[in-house]
Protein backbone atom coordinates (compact mmCIF):
# COMPACT_ATOMS: atom_id res chain seq x y z
CA MET A 1 41.46 48.68 -22.93
CA ARG A 2 38.51 49.57 -24.89
CA VAL A 3 36.35 52.96 -24.67
CA GLN A 4 33.53 52.61 -22.05
CA ARG A 5 30.20 53.15 -24.17
CA GLU A 6 28.74 56.51 -23.36
CA SER A 7 25.23 56.54 -22.18
CA TYR A 8 24.72 59.85 -20.70
CA MET A 9 25.65 62.09 -23.39
CA SER A 10 26.00 61.93 -27.34
CA PRO A 11 29.03 62.50 -29.15
CA ILE A 12 29.93 65.83 -30.89
CA ARG A 13 28.78 65.97 -34.11
CA SER A 14 29.91 67.63 -37.19
CA THR A 15 28.32 68.79 -40.69
CA ILE A 16 31.48 66.84 -42.24
CA SER A 17 30.12 63.52 -43.32
CA VAL A 18 32.11 60.56 -42.75
CA ARG A 19 32.08 60.30 -46.42
CA ALA A 20 34.16 63.87 -46.49
CA TYR A 21 36.48 62.48 -43.39
CA ALA A 22 37.12 59.54 -45.75
CA ALA A 23 38.50 61.30 -48.64
CA ILE A 24 40.26 63.58 -46.52
CA TYR A 25 42.13 60.78 -45.10
CA ARG A 26 42.68 59.55 -48.74
CA LEU A 27 44.16 62.69 -50.06
CA LEU A 28 46.65 62.79 -46.85
CA ASN A 29 47.48 59.32 -47.15
CA ARG A 30 49.19 60.36 -50.29
CA VAL A 31 51.45 63.15 -48.34
CA SER A 32 54.18 63.50 -45.61
CA PRO A 33 56.00 66.08 -43.74
CA VAL A 34 58.82 64.90 -45.27
CA ASP A 35 60.25 61.84 -47.41
CA GLY A 36 60.10 58.78 -45.59
CA ASP A 37 59.50 58.24 -41.86
CA CYS A 38 59.70 61.17 -39.65
CA GLY A 39 59.54 59.01 -36.95
CA LEU A 40 62.98 57.66 -37.44
CA LEU A 41 64.67 61.10 -36.27
CA CYS A 42 62.97 60.95 -32.79
CA GLY A 43 62.13 57.20 -32.45
CA SER A 44 58.32 57.99 -33.21
CA VAL A 45 58.18 60.37 -29.59
CA CYS A 46 54.95 61.47 -30.50
CA CYS A 47 53.51 58.05 -31.34
CA ARG A 48 54.48 56.77 -27.46
CA ALA A 49 51.61 56.74 -24.67
CA GLU A 50 53.79 58.74 -22.41
CA ASP A 51 56.35 61.85 -22.85
CA GLU A 52 60.05 61.68 -22.71
CA ASP A 53 59.95 62.18 -18.63
CA ARG A 54 56.89 59.46 -18.22
CA THR A 55 55.23 62.17 -16.28
CA GLN A 56 52.05 62.27 -18.57
CA ASN A 57 50.20 60.40 -20.97
CA LEU A 58 50.23 61.40 -24.56
CA GLY A 59 47.32 61.12 -27.23
CA ILE A 60 45.55 63.49 -29.02
CA TYR A 61 41.32 64.24 -29.38
CA LEU A 62 39.36 63.32 -32.59
CA LEU A 63 37.49 66.20 -34.32
CA PRO A 64 33.98 66.08 -34.02
CA GLY A 65 32.34 63.45 -36.07
CA GLU A 66 35.61 61.84 -36.89
CA ASP A 67 35.39 59.06 -34.42
CA ALA A 68 32.57 57.48 -37.05
CA LEU A 69 35.50 55.88 -38.99
CA PHE A 70 36.60 53.94 -36.23
CA THR A 71 35.24 50.97 -34.26
CA LYS A 72 36.35 51.73 -31.13
CA ASP A 73 37.81 48.53 -31.02
CA GLU A 74 40.81 48.81 -32.63
CA ASP A 75 43.69 46.77 -31.18
CA TRP A 76 46.27 49.62 -31.73
CA LEU A 77 44.14 52.30 -29.80
CA GLU A 78 43.44 53.01 -26.49
CA TRP A 79 39.91 55.03 -26.51
CA ASP A 80 38.55 57.39 -23.82
CA PHE A 81 36.11 60.34 -23.74
CA SER A 82 35.08 62.99 -21.87
CA ARG A 83 32.58 65.71 -21.68
CA ALA A 84 33.65 68.82 -23.39
CA GLU A 85 32.31 71.05 -21.09
CA ASP A 86 34.55 69.78 -18.62
CA SER A 87 37.93 70.50 -20.73
CA ASP A 88 39.67 72.81 -22.25
CA PHE A 89 37.60 73.23 -25.60
CA PRO A 90 35.23 76.53 -27.10
CA ASP A 91 31.56 77.02 -25.31
CA SER A 92 29.96 76.08 -28.24
CA TRP A 93 31.24 72.31 -27.56
CA ASN A 94 28.64 70.50 -25.71
CA GLY A 95 28.86 66.66 -25.59
CA ILE A 96 31.63 63.83 -25.63
CA VAL A 97 34.67 64.32 -27.24
CA TYR A 98 37.14 61.31 -27.70
CA PHE A 99 40.73 61.16 -26.49
CA ILE A 100 43.11 58.36 -27.98
CA LYS A 101 45.93 57.07 -27.37
CA CYS A 102 48.47 55.12 -29.41
CA GLU A 103 49.46 51.76 -28.42
CA GLY A 104 53.08 52.52 -29.84
CA PRO A 105 54.53 52.88 -33.66
CA ASP A 106 54.92 49.03 -33.62
CA THR A 107 51.25 48.74 -33.82
CA CYS A 108 50.36 52.18 -35.97
CA ARG A 109 48.02 51.62 -38.81
CA ARG A 110 49.20 54.57 -41.04
CA GLU A 111 46.58 54.44 -43.37
CA THR A 112 44.03 54.64 -40.84
CA ARG A 113 45.48 57.00 -38.15
CA PRO A 114 43.99 60.39 -37.24
CA LEU A 115 43.51 63.72 -38.51
CA GLN A 116 45.52 65.23 -35.69
CA CYS A 117 48.56 62.52 -36.38
CA ARG A 118 48.57 63.68 -40.01
CA PHE A 119 48.87 67.21 -39.69
CA PHE A 120 52.08 67.42 -37.61
CA PRO A 121 53.86 69.50 -37.42
CA LEU A 122 51.57 71.76 -39.01
CA ALA A 123 48.53 73.81 -36.87
CA PRO A 124 45.79 75.73 -38.34
CA HIS A 125 45.76 79.43 -37.18
CA LEU A 126 43.34 82.37 -37.72
CA THR A 127 44.24 85.93 -37.66
CA LYS A 128 42.13 88.62 -36.20
CA GLU A 129 40.79 89.08 -39.64
CA GLY A 130 39.70 85.48 -40.08
CA GLN A 131 42.50 84.37 -42.55
CA LEU A 132 43.73 80.55 -42.31
CA ASN A 133 47.35 80.18 -42.31
CA MET A 134 49.20 76.94 -41.68
CA ILE A 135 51.76 77.31 -38.48
CA LEU A 136 54.73 75.44 -37.06
CA TYR A 137 53.41 73.97 -34.28
CA PRO A 138 54.42 76.16 -31.34
CA ASP A 139 57.98 74.10 -29.61
CA ASN A 140 57.02 75.57 -26.06
CA ALA A 141 53.34 73.74 -26.48
CA LEU A 142 54.66 69.78 -26.53
CA PRO A 143 55.60 67.61 -23.86
CA TYR A 144 58.52 66.54 -26.31
CA ARG A 145 61.18 67.50 -29.02
CA CYS A 146 60.51 67.60 -32.66
CA PRO A 147 63.19 67.50 -34.56
CA LEU A 148 61.13 68.94 -37.54
CA ILE A 149 60.17 71.94 -35.39
CA LYS A 150 63.59 72.27 -33.20
CA ASN A 151 66.31 72.07 -36.59
CA LYS A 152 63.57 73.60 -38.92
CA ILE A 153 63.55 70.60 -41.41
CA PRO A 154 62.00 71.96 -44.63
CA LEU A 155 58.73 70.47 -44.97
CA SER A 156 57.25 69.10 -48.23
CA GLN A 157 55.22 71.56 -50.11
CA ASP A 158 52.79 68.96 -51.03
CA PHE A 159 52.58 68.16 -47.33
CA ILE A 160 51.80 72.06 -46.49
CA LYS A 161 49.53 72.72 -49.21
CA ALA A 162 47.44 69.55 -48.83
CA SER A 163 46.80 70.48 -45.03
CA TYR A 164 45.84 73.97 -45.80
CA THR A 165 43.33 72.71 -48.56
CA VAL A 166 42.05 70.45 -45.76
CA TRP A 167 41.68 72.62 -43.01
CA ARG A 168 39.79 75.19 -45.01
CA ARG A 169 37.42 72.35 -46.00
CA LEU A 170 37.25 71.55 -42.12
CA ILE A 171 36.60 74.72 -40.83
CA ASP A 172 33.46 75.07 -43.12
CA ASP A 173 32.09 73.12 -39.70
CA PRO A 174 30.85 75.85 -37.01
CA LEU A 175 32.61 73.67 -34.36
CA ILE A 176 35.72 72.62 -35.85
CA ARG A 177 36.27 76.38 -36.79
CA ASP A 178 34.88 77.38 -33.23
CA LEU A 179 37.87 75.73 -32.06
CA VAL A 180 40.58 77.06 -34.10
CA GLU A 181 39.21 80.34 -33.31
CA TYR A 182 40.08 78.98 -29.95
CA ASP A 183 43.01 77.63 -30.37
CA SER A 184 44.24 80.80 -32.36
CA ALA A 185 43.17 83.66 -30.16
CA TYR A 186 45.30 81.45 -27.15
CA ARG A 187 48.44 81.47 -29.05
CA ARG A 188 48.22 85.45 -30.50
CA LYS A 189 50.38 87.21 -28.26
CA SER A 190 53.04 84.37 -28.90
CA LYS A 191 55.77 84.12 -31.81
CA LEU A 192 54.72 82.31 -34.34
CA THR A 193 56.12 80.28 -37.36
CA PHE A 194 53.76 81.05 -40.43
CA ILE A 195 54.35 78.22 -42.90
CA TYR A 196 51.40 78.92 -45.44
CA PRO A 197 50.23 81.33 -46.98
CA HIS A 198 53.56 83.19 -46.10
CA ARG A 199 52.45 86.52 -44.28
């Protein structure tokens, strides 16, 4: 199923240009959480369209403006969209957000996979003082078990530092910073695993 063309609202736009997004993709193409394909550890569970219990569809939201790197006719992605106002996003987000699902690990185009796939299992986190940190994605927030998180497998330092560098650039965009702040405020009372810089 391909994305229906949105006609009643415009997609949320970013101050980050398509050219900058393309450069970010190129940088992250050179790093990986571990040597080799981490999907071999879990059967590529995060690349499948259903969770382990087959009770919910898995997918990710694209960041504002990231959709410009895609045609929306990719044969390995299923596209959907919704109004940010109707979903769990910051109040500053108004317009269309894109939600995509992978058709499966066998069809994945790794060189063009979206940013949220590339960063995993890391997530950006802002402290109350506004300091950016990379944390390990909270395990209890996932609909599947990731061996990298569960078994505390050491991640590549190049991957960690590249992810941090990219997120420092991304949060220059006010809407993306609002999203990171929104997510960070939600989980500040949780026990977090800080990866970089160490607290």
